[in-house]
Protein backbone atom coordinates (compact mmCIF):
# COMPACT_ATOMS: atom_id res chain seq x y z
CA MET A 1 45.65 -61.76 14.79
CA PHE A 2 47.44 -64.91 15.60
CA ASP A 3 45.50 -67.83 15.54
CA PHE A 4 47.63 -71.15 15.18
CA GLU A 5 45.57 -74.21 15.56
CA TYR A 6 48.54 -76.43 16.03
CA SER A 7 49.34 -79.55 18.28
CA PHE A 8 51.95 -80.63 19.65
CA HIS A 9 52.98 -84.84 19.38
CA TRP A 10 54.03 -85.25 22.41
CA LEU A 11 54.34 -89.09 21.47
CA THR A 12 57.42 -87.95 18.85
CA VAL A 13 58.74 -86.66 21.73
CA TRP A 14 58.20 -89.54 24.41
CA HIS A 15 60.11 -92.30 21.88
CA VAL A 16 63.14 -89.52 20.95
CA PHE A 17 63.82 -88.73 24.83
CA PRO A 18 66.76 -91.02 25.28
CA GLU A 19 68.28 -89.26 22.74
CA MET A 20 67.22 -86.05 24.57
CA LEU A 21 68.52 -87.08 27.19
CA SER A 22 71.81 -88.77 26.57
CA ALA A 23 72.27 -84.98 23.94
CA ALA A 24 71.98 -82.88 26.81
CA LEU A 25 74.30 -85.52 28.97
CA VAL A 26 77.25 -84.59 25.96
CA THR A 27 76.03 -80.99 25.55
CA ILE A 28 76.42 -80.28 29.19
CA GLN A 29 80.38 -82.42 29.67
CA VAL A 30 81.12 -80.31 26.04
CA ALA A 31 80.40 -77.18 28.29
CA VAL A 32 82.44 -78.11 31.84
CA LEU A 33 84.69 -79.38 29.20
CA SER A 34 85.53 -76.11 27.69
CA MET A 35 85.40 -74.25 30.88
CA ILE A 36 88.16 -76.17 32.31
CA PHE A 37 89.58 -75.73 29.18
CA GLY A 38 89.47 -71.77 29.25
CA LEU A 39 90.60 -71.83 33.03
CA ILE A 40 93.58 -73.44 31.42
CA VAL A 41 94.93 -71.65 28.96
CA ALA A 42 94.00 -68.49 31.02
CA ILE A 43 96.04 -69.57 34.04
CA PHE A 44 98.37 -70.31 32.14
CA LEU A 45 99.24 -67.21 29.50
CA VAL A 46 99.03 -65.37 33.12
CA PHE A 47 102.02 -66.91 34.70
CA ILE A 48 104.08 -66.24 30.96
CA SER A 49 102.94 -63.40 31.24
CA THR A 50 105.27 -59.70 31.14
CA ASN A 51 102.95 -57.43 33.17
CA LYS A 52 103.14 -56.49 36.72
CA LYS A 53 99.91 -55.87 37.16
CA LEU A 54 99.09 -59.85 35.84
CA LYS A 55 102.12 -61.34 37.97
CA LYS A 56 100.91 -59.73 41.20
CA GLU A 57 97.53 -59.97 41.50
CA LYS A 58 99.05 -64.40 40.53
CA ASN A 59 101.16 -63.92 43.82
CA GLY A 60 98.57 -62.73 46.07
CA TYR A 61 96.25 -65.54 44.72
CA ILE A 62 99.00 -68.27 45.35
CA LYS A 63 99.96 -66.97 48.29
């Protein structure tokens, strides 16, 4: 049913491997920065919140 006659070109991969590594590094940097930014926004929203339950949890977490 599935008869593929495809040969993967590993030589091409080895030629662009440094660029692939640098792209992976950029991806990791973006992921870490977005997690940090999201954490900062979440903490800010908890501090300005008027919800009593969130304030209790915030006070318990800080203490």
